[in-house]
Amino acid sequence: MVTRYQFKEANRYYWIVKGMLIPDSWSDKDIMSMYNSYMERIWHNHEASSVHSIDFEAAWKAKEAKDINNGKSKRY
């Protein structure tokens, strides 16, 4: 099972690379596979961690609120 920390970090990595949050349909296995792959991909890309992560926190907080309101808070 993906921890809350891993889930948020995986979403941050996906945001840095793709510019959006992980789709709700992804399984824990899919999330962990992407998490490990993208971590290696952006590890030494210092620009990615600052430039491409703009607006992530706002998008993450909106997703958290939406999921909690819809009763989909299994990862929180």
PDB file of N, CA and C in Angstrom:
ATOM      1  N   MET A   1       0.843  -1.190   0.000  1.00  0.00           N
ATOM      2  CA  MET A   1       0.000   0.000   0.000  1.00  0.00           C
ATOM      3  C   MET A   1       0.885   1.249   0.000  1.00  0.00           C
ATOM      4  N   VAL A   2       0.474   2.220  -0.739  1.00  0.00           N
ATOM      5  CA  VAL A   2       1.187   3.485  -0.835  1.00  0.00           C
ATOM      6  C   VAL A   2       0.882   4.315   0.414  1.00  0.00           C
ATOM      7  N   THR A   3       1.934   4.838   1.042  1.00  0.00           N
ATOM      8  CA  THR A   3       1.724   5.703   2.202  1.00  0.00           C
ATOM      9  C   THR A   3       1.256   7.080   1.745  1.00  0.00           C
ATOM     10  N   ARG A   4       0.745   7.851   2.662  1.00  0.00           N
ATOM     11  CA  ARG A   4       0.292   9.212   2.340  1.00  0.00           C
ATOM     12  C   ARG A   4       1.457  10.035   1.793  1.00  0.00           C
ATOM     13  N   TYR A   5       2.626   9.909   2.415  1.00  0.00           N
ATOM     14  CA  TYR A   5       3.806  10.637   1.954  1.00  0.00           C
ATOM     15  C   TYR A   5       4.174  10.232   0.526  1.00  0.00           C
ATOM     16  N   GLN A   6       4.227   8.931   0.261  1.00  0.00           N
ATOM     17  CA  GLN A   6       4.569   8.451  -1.076  1.00  0.00           C
ATOM     18  C   GLN A   6       3.554   8.924  -2.112  1.00  0.00           C
ATOM     19  N   PHE A   7       2.277   8.901  -1.748  1.00  0.00           N
ATOM     20  CA  PHE A   7       1.223   9.322  -2.658  1.00  0.00           C
ATOM     21  C   PHE A   7       1.381  10.797  -3.030  1.00  0.00           C
ATOM     22  N   LYS A   8       1.645  11.636  -2.034  1.00  0.00           N
ATOM     23  CA  LYS A   8       1.833  13.061  -2.319  1.00  0.00           C
ATOM     24  C   LYS A   8       3.094  13.273  -3.149  1.00  0.00           C
ATOM     25  N   GLU A   9       4.192  12.623  -2.772  1.00  0.00           N
ATOM     26  CA  GLU A   9       5.438  12.775  -3.528  1.00  0.00           C
ATOM     27  C   GLU A   9       5.294  12.256  -4.957  1.00  0.00           C
ATOM     28  N   ALA A  10       4.601  11.148  -5.134  1.00  0.00           N
ATOM     29  CA  ALA A  10       4.364  10.614  -6.481  1.00  0.00           C
ATOM     30  C   ALA A  10       3.577  11.626  -7.303  1.00  0.00           C
ATOM     31  N   ASN A  11       2.590  12.254  -6.692  1.00  0.00           N
ATOM     32  CA  ASN A  11       1.826  13.288  -7.384  1.00  0.00           C
ATOM     33  C   ASN A  11       2.698  14.494  -7.705  1.00  0.00           C
ATOM     34  N   ARG A  12       3.613  14.841  -6.818  1.00  0.00           N
ATOM     35  CA  ARG A  12       4.527  15.957  -7.079  1.00  0.00           C
ATOM     36  C   ARG A  12       5.440  15.623  -8.250  1.00  0.00           C
ATOM     37  N   TYR A  13       5.991  14.417  -8.274  1.00  0.00           N
ATOM     38  CA  TYR A  13       6.854  14.000  -9.384  1.00  0.00           C
ATOM     39  C   TYR A  13       6.087  14.010 -10.701  1.00  0.00           C
ATOM     40  N   TYR A  14       4.869  13.491 -10.673  1.00  0.00           N
ATOM     41  CA  TYR A  14       4.042  13.453 -11.885  1.00  0.00           C
ATOM     42  C   TYR A  14       3.749  14.881 -12.362  1.00  0.00           C
ATOM     43  N   TRP A  15       3.489  15.772 -11.402  1.00  0.00           N
ATOM     44  CA  TRP A  15       3.232  17.172 -11.723  1.00  0.00           C
ATOM     45  C   TRP A  15       4.461  17.805 -12.390  1.00  0.00           C
ATOM     46  N   ILE A  16       5.644  17.527 -11.848  1.00  0.00           N
ATOM     47  CA  ILE A  16       6.878  18.087 -12.403  1.00  0.00           C
ATOM     48  C   ILE A  16       7.077  17.632 -13.845  1.00  0.00           C
ATOM     49  N   VAL A  17       6.808  16.358 -14.112  1.00  0.00           N
ATOM     50  CA  VAL A  17       7.052  15.806 -15.446  1.00  0.00           C
ATOM     51  C   VAL A  17       5.887  16.061 -16.399  1.00  0.00           C
ATOM     52  N   LYS A  18       4.656  15.860 -15.945  1.00  0.00           N
ATOM     53  CA  LYS A  18       3.481  15.914 -16.826  1.00  0.00           C
ATOM     54  C   LYS A  18       2.630  17.175 -16.682  1.00  0.00           C
ATOM     55  N   GLY A  19       2.801  17.906 -15.560  1.00  0.00           N
ATOM     56  CA  GLY A  19       2.011  19.116 -15.362  1.00  0.00           C
ATOM     57  C   GLY A  19       0.611  18.869 -14.859  1.00  0.00           C
ATOM     58  N   MET A  20       0.369  17.693 -14.294  1.00  0.00           N
ATOM     59  CA  MET A  20      -0.951  17.372 -13.733  1.00  0.00           C
ATOM     60  C   MET A  20      -0.787  16.319 -12.646  1.00  0.00           C
ATOM     61  N   LEU A  21      -1.856  16.094 -11.900  1.00  0.00           N
ATOM     62  CA  LEU A  21      -1.834  15.087 -10.843  1.00  0.00           C
ATOM     63  C   LEU A  21      -2.123  13.702 -11.417  1.00  0.00           C
ATOM     64  N   ILE A  22      -1.769  12.680 -10.661  1.00  0.00           N
ATOM     65  CA  ILE A  22      -1.991  11.298 -11.073  1.00  0.00           C
ATOM     66  C   ILE A  22      -3.491  11.040 -11.215  1.00  0.00           C
ATOM     67  N   PRO A  23      -3.916  10.363 -12.282  1.00  0.00           N
ATOM     68  CA  PRO A  23      -5.342  10.032 -12.432  1.00  0.00           C
ATOM     69  C   PRO A  23      -5.848   9.144 -11.289  1.00  0.00           C
ATOM     70  N   ASP A  24      -7.082   9.347 -10.896  1.00  0.00           N
ATOM     71  CA  ASP A  24      -7.677   8.582  -9.800  1.00  0.00           C
ATOM     72  C   ASP A  24      -7.731   7.084 -10.089  1.00  0.00           C
ATOM     73  N   SER A  25      -7.718   6.704 -11.338  1.00  0.00           N
ATOM     74  CA  SER A  25      -7.863   5.293 -11.706  1.00  0.00           C
ATOM     75  C   SER A  25      -6.593   4.468 -11.496  1.00  0.00           C
ATOM     76  N   TRP A  26      -5.470   5.099 -11.204  1.00  0.00           N
ATOM     77  CA  TRP A  26      -4.217   4.372 -11.047  1.00  0.00           C
ATOM     78  C   TRP A  26      -4.219   3.508  -9.790  1.00  0.00           C
ATOM     79  N   SER A  27      -3.658   2.321  -9.908  1.00  0.00           N
ATOM     80  CA  SER A  27      -3.518   1.420  -8.758  1.00  0.00           C
ATOM     81  C   SER A  27      -2.279   1.805  -7.953  1.00  0.00           C
ATOM     82  N   ASP A  28      -2.181   1.268  -6.744  1.00  0.00           N
ATOM     83  CA  ASP A  28      -0.988   1.497  -5.926  1.00  0.00           C
ATOM     84  C   ASP A  28       0.265   1.006  -6.641  1.00  0.00           C
ATOM     85  N   LYS A  29       0.155  -0.104  -7.358  1.00  0.00           N
ATOM     86  CA  LYS A  29       1.294  -0.654  -8.104  1.00  0.00           C
ATOM     87  C   LYS A  29       1.739   0.326  -9.187  1.00  0.00           C
ATOM     88  N   ASP A  30       0.780   0.899  -9.919  1.00  0.00           N
ATOM     89  CA  ASP A  30       1.095   1.880 -10.957  1.00  0.00           C
ATOM     90  C   ASP A  30       1.778   3.112 -10.349  1.00  0.00           C
ATOM     91  N   ILE A  31       1.258   3.560  -9.224  1.00  0.00           N
ATOM     92  CA  ILE A  31       1.798   4.748  -8.562  1.00  0.00           C
ATOM     93  C   ILE A  31       3.233   4.510  -8.112  1.00  0.00           C
ATOM     94  N   MET A  32       3.500   3.363  -7.498  1.00  0.00           N
ATOM     95  CA  MET A  32       4.854   3.083  -7.024  1.00  0.00           C
ATOM     96  C   MET A  32       5.826   2.898  -8.183  1.00  0.00           C
ATOM     97  N   SER A  33       5.386   2.308  -9.264  1.00  0.00           N
ATOM     98  CA  SER A  33       6.235   2.143 -10.434  1.00  0.00           C
ATOM     99  C   SER A  33       6.628   3.509 -10.996  1.00  0.00           C
ATOM    100  N   MET A  34       5.652   4.390 -11.134  1.00  0.00           N
ATOM    101  CA  MET A  34       5.919   5.729 -11.632  1.00  0.00           C
ATOM    102  C   MET A  34       6.785   6.501 -10.642  1.00  0.00           C
ATOM    103  N   TYR A  35       6.501   6.389  -9.355  1.00  0.00           N
ATOM    104  CA  TYR A  35       7.252   7.078  -8.303  1.00  0.00           C
ATOM    105  C   TYR A  35       8.734   6.742  -8.408  1.00  0.00           C
ATOM    106  N   ASN A  36       9.061   5.465  -8.509  1.00  0.00           N
ATOM    107  CA  ASN A  36      10.457   5.046  -8.594  1.00  0.00           C
ATOM    108  C   ASN A  36      11.111   5.503  -9.895  1.00  0.00           C
ATOM    109  N   SER A  37      10.395   5.386 -10.984  1.00  0.00           N
ATOM    110  CA  SER A  37      10.923   5.777 -12.288  1.00  0.00           C
ATOM    111  C   SER A  37      11.143   7.291 -12.380  1.00  0.00           C
ATOM    112  N   TYR A  38      10.157   8.061 -11.961  1.00  0.00           N
ATOM    113  CA  TYR A  38      10.264   9.517 -12.062  1.00  0.00           C
ATOM    114  C   TYR A  38      11.262  10.086 -11.074  1.00  0.00           C
ATOM    115  N   MET A  39      11.427   9.446  -9.918  1.00  0.00           N
ATOM    116  CA  MET A  39      12.415   9.919  -8.951  1.00  0.00           C
ATOM    117  C   MET A  39      13.801   9.889  -9.584  1.00  0.00           C
ATOM    118  N   GLU A  40      14.116   8.798 -10.265  1.00  0.00           N
ATOM    119  CA  GLU A  40      15.402   8.703 -10.957  1.00  0.00           C
ATOM    120  C   GLU A  40      15.495   9.726 -12.081  1.00  0.00           C
ATOM    121  N   ARG A  41      14.400   9.944 -12.759  1.00  0.00           N
ATOM    122  CA  ARG A  41      14.368  10.857 -13.904  1.00  0.00           C
ATOM    123  C   ARG A  41      14.656  12.298 -13.508  1.00  0.00           C
ATOM    124  N   ILE A  42      14.136  12.741 -12.347  1.00  0.00           N
ATOM    125  CA  ILE A  42      14.294  14.139 -11.946  1.00  0.00           C
ATOM    126  C   ILE A  42      15.339  14.347 -10.856  1.00  0.00           C
ATOM    127  N   TRP A  43      16.003  13.294 -10.426  1.00  0.00           N
ATOM    128  CA  TRP A  43      16.937  13.363  -9.292  1.00  0.00           C
ATOM    129  C   TRP A  43      17.958  14.489  -9.437  1.00  0.00           C
ATOM    130  N   HIS A  44      18.612  14.589 -10.552  1.00  0.00           N
ATOM    131  CA  HIS A  44      19.650  15.598 -10.738  1.00  0.00           C
ATOM    132  C   HIS A  44      19.191  16.795 -11.549  1.00  0.00           C
ATOM    133  N   ASN A  45      17.918  16.888 -11.808  1.00  0.00           N
ATOM    134  CA  ASN A  45      17.377  18.007 -12.565  1.00  0.00           C
ATOM    135  C   ASN A  45      16.872  19.054 -11.569  1.00  0.00           C
ATOM    136  N   HIS A  46      17.772  19.901 -11.094  1.00  0.00           N
ATOM    137  CA  HIS A  46      17.434  20.883 -10.058  1.00  0.00           C
ATOM    138  C   HIS A  46      16.390  21.886 -10.531  1.00  0.00           C
ATOM    139  N   GLU A  47      16.397  22.185 -11.808  1.00  0.00           N
ATOM    140  CA  GLU A  47      15.406  23.101 -12.355  1.00  0.00           C
ATOM    141  C   GLU A  47      14.002  22.517 -12.234  1.00  0.00           C
ATOM    142  N   ALA A  48      13.874  21.236 -12.452  1.00  0.00           N
ATOM    143  CA  ALA A  48      12.556  20.592 -12.403  1.00  0.00           C
ATOM    144  C   ALA A  48      11.922  20.725 -11.028  1.00  0.00           C
ATOM    145  N   SER A  49      12.717  20.583  -9.994  1.00  0.00           N
ATOM    146  CA  SER A  49      12.149  20.606  -8.653  1.00  0.00           C
ATOM    147  C   SER A  49      11.642  21.986  -8.248  1.00  0.00           C
ATOM    148  N   SER A  50      12.180  23.042  -8.828  1.00  0.00           N
ATOM    149  CA  SER A  50      11.703  24.372  -8.451  1.00  0.00           C
ATOM    150  C   SER A  50      10.801  24.997  -9.506  1.00  0.00           C
ATOM    151  N   VAL A  51      11.201  24.979 -10.743  1.00  0.00           N
ATOM    152  CA  VAL A  51      10.438  25.638 -11.801  1.00  0.00           C
ATOM    153  C   VAL A  51       9.147  24.896 -12.120  1.00  0.00           C
ATOM    154  N   HIS A  52       9.240  23.593 -12.302  1.00  0.00           N
ATOM    155  CA  HIS A  52       8.084  22.818 -12.742  1.00  0.00           C
ATOM    156  C   HIS A  52       7.121  22.439 -11.625  1.00  0.00           C
ATOM    157  N   SER A  53       7.491  22.702 -10.383  1.00  0.00           N
ATOM    158  CA  SER A  53       6.584  22.354  -9.287  1.00  0.00           C
ATOM    159  C   SER A  53       5.708  23.526  -8.855  1.00  0.00           C
ATOM    160  N   ILE A  54       5.794  24.638  -9.586  1.00  0.00           N
ATOM    161  CA  ILE A  54       4.943  25.799  -9.285  1.00  0.00           C
ATOM    162  C   ILE A  54       3.476  25.374  -9.383  1.00  0.00           C
ATOM    163  N   ASP A  55       2.693  25.794  -8.432  1.00  0.00           N
ATOM    164  CA  ASP A  55       1.246  25.529  -8.352  1.00  0.00           C
ATOM    165  C   ASP A  55       0.904  24.110  -7.902  1.00  0.00           C
ATOM    166  N   PHE A  56       1.899  23.267  -7.632  1.00  0.00           N
ATOM    167  CA  PHE A  56       1.582  21.908  -7.186  1.00  0.00           C
ATOM    168  C   PHE A  56       0.812  21.918  -5.875  1.00  0.00           C
ATOM    169  N   GLU A  57       1.272  22.672  -4.889  1.00  0.00           N
ATOM    170  CA  GLU A  57       0.618  22.661  -3.572  1.00  0.00           C
ATOM    171  C   GLU A  57      -0.851  23.064  -3.665  1.00  0.00           C
ATOM    172  N   ALA A  58      -1.154  24.043  -4.482  1.00  0.00           N
ATOM    173  CA  ALA A  58      -2.557  24.464  -4.652  1.00  0.00           C
ATOM    174  C   ALA A  58      -3.377  23.345  -5.286  1.00  0.00           C
ATOM    175  N   ALA A  59      -2.825  22.702  -6.301  1.00  0.00           N
ATOM    176  CA  ALA A  59      -3.537  21.590  -6.957  1.00  0.00           C
ATOM    177  C   ALA A  59      -3.704  20.425  -5.992  1.00  0.00           C
ATOM    178  N   TRP A  60      -2.679  20.152  -5.184  1.00  0.00           N
ATOM    179  CA  TRP A  60      -2.740  19.051  -4.225  1.00  0.00           C
ATOM    180  C   TRP A  60      -3.809  19.300  -3.166  1.00  0.00           C
ATOM    181  N   LYS A  61      -3.845  20.511  -2.629  1.00  0.00           N
ATOM    182  CA  LYS A  61      -4.848  20.841  -1.612  1.00  0.00           C
ATOM    183  C   LYS A  61      -6.266  20.752  -2.188  1.00  0.00           C
ATOM    184  N   ALA A  62      -6.440  21.168  -3.431  1.00  0.00           N
ATOM    185  CA  ALA A  62      -7.752  21.065  -4.082  1.00  0.00           C
ATOM    186  C   ALA A  62      -8.145  19.604  -4.256  1.00  0.00           C
ATOM    187  N   LYS A  63      -7.189  18.754  -4.635  1.00  0.00           N
ATOM    188  CA  LYS A  63      -7.475  17.318  -4.795  1.00  0.00           C
ATOM    189  C   LYS A  63      -7.834  16.692  -3.451  1.00  0.00           C
ATOM    190  N   GLU A  64      -7.070  17.018  -2.416  1.00  0.00           N
ATOM    191  CA  GLU A  64      -7.372  16.493  -1.078  1.00  0.00           C
ATOM    192  C   GLU A  64      -8.788  16.850  -0.658  1.00  0.00           C
ATOM    193  N   ALA A  65      -9.144  18.108  -0.811  1.00  0.00           N
ATOM    194  CA  ALA A  65     -10.479  18.566  -0.413  1.00  0.00           C
ATOM    195  C   ALA A  65     -11.561  17.865  -1.223  1.00  0.00           C
ATOM    196  N   LYS A  66     -11.353  17.760  -2.523  1.00  0.00           N
ATOM    197  CA  LYS A  66     -12.330  17.096  -3.393  1.00  0.00           C
ATOM    198  C   LYS A  66     -12.500  15.630  -3.008  1.00  0.00           C
ATOM    199  N   ASP A  67     -11.379  14.927  -2.795  1.00  0.00           N
ATOM    200  CA  ASP A  67     -11.442  13.508  -2.431  1.00  0.00           C
ATOM    201  C   ASP A  67     -12.120  13.302  -1.077  1.00  0.00           C
ATOM    202  N   ILE A  68     -11.816  14.147  -0.131  1.00  0.00           N
ATOM    203  CA  ILE A  68     -12.442  14.029   1.191  1.00  0.00           C
ATOM    204  C   ILE A  68     -13.939  14.284   1.081  1.00  0.00           C
ATOM    205  N   ASN A  69     -14.330  15.291   0.325  1.00  0.00           N
ATOM    206  CA  ASN A  69     -15.758  15.602   0.135  1.00  0.00           C
ATOM    207  C   ASN A  69     -16.491  14.496  -0.604  1.00  0.00           C
ATOM    208  N   ASN A  70     -15.796  13.771  -1.467  1.00  0.00           N
ATOM    209  CA  ASN A  70     -16.413  12.687  -2.223  1.00  0.00           C
ATOM    210  C   ASN A  70     -16.253  11.331  -1.533  1.00  0.00           C
ATOM    211  N   GLY A  71     -15.706  11.325  -0.327  1.00  0.00           N
ATOM    212  CA  GLY A  71     -15.547  10.073   0.420  1.00  0.00           C
ATOM    213  C   GLY A  71     -14.459   9.182  -0.116  1.00  0.00           C
ATOM    214  N   LYS A  72     -13.525   9.720  -0.878  1.00  0.00           N
ATOM    215  CA  LYS A  72     -12.423   8.928  -1.442  1.00  0.00           C
ATOM    216  C   LYS A  72     -11.128   9.257  -0.721  1.00  0.00           C
ATOM    217  N   SER A  73     -11.145   9.228   0.578  1.00  0.00           N
ATOM    218  CA  SER A  73      -9.975   9.646   1.344  1.00  0.00           C
ATOM    219  C   SER A  73      -9.133   8.464   1.818  1.00  0.00           C
ATOM    220  N   LYS A  74      -9.096   7.361   1.069  1.00  0.00           N
ATOM    221  CA  LYS A  74      -8.379   6.163   1.508  1.00  0.00           C
ATOM    222  C   LYS A  74      -6.891   6.409   1.717  1.00  0.00           C
ATOM    223  N   ARG A  75      -6.315   7.421   1.055  1.00  0.00           N
ATOM    224  CA  ARG A  75      -4.889   7.670   1.158  1.00  0.00           C
ATOM    225  C   ARG A  75      -4.563   8.818   2.103  1.00  0.00           C
ATOM    226  N   TYR A  76      -5.546   9.298   2.862  1.00  0.00           N
ATOM    227  CA  TYR A  76      -5.313  10.440   3.741  1.00  0.00           C
ATOM    228  C   TYR A  76      -5.461  10.028   5.177  1.00  0.00           C
TER     229      TYR A  76
END
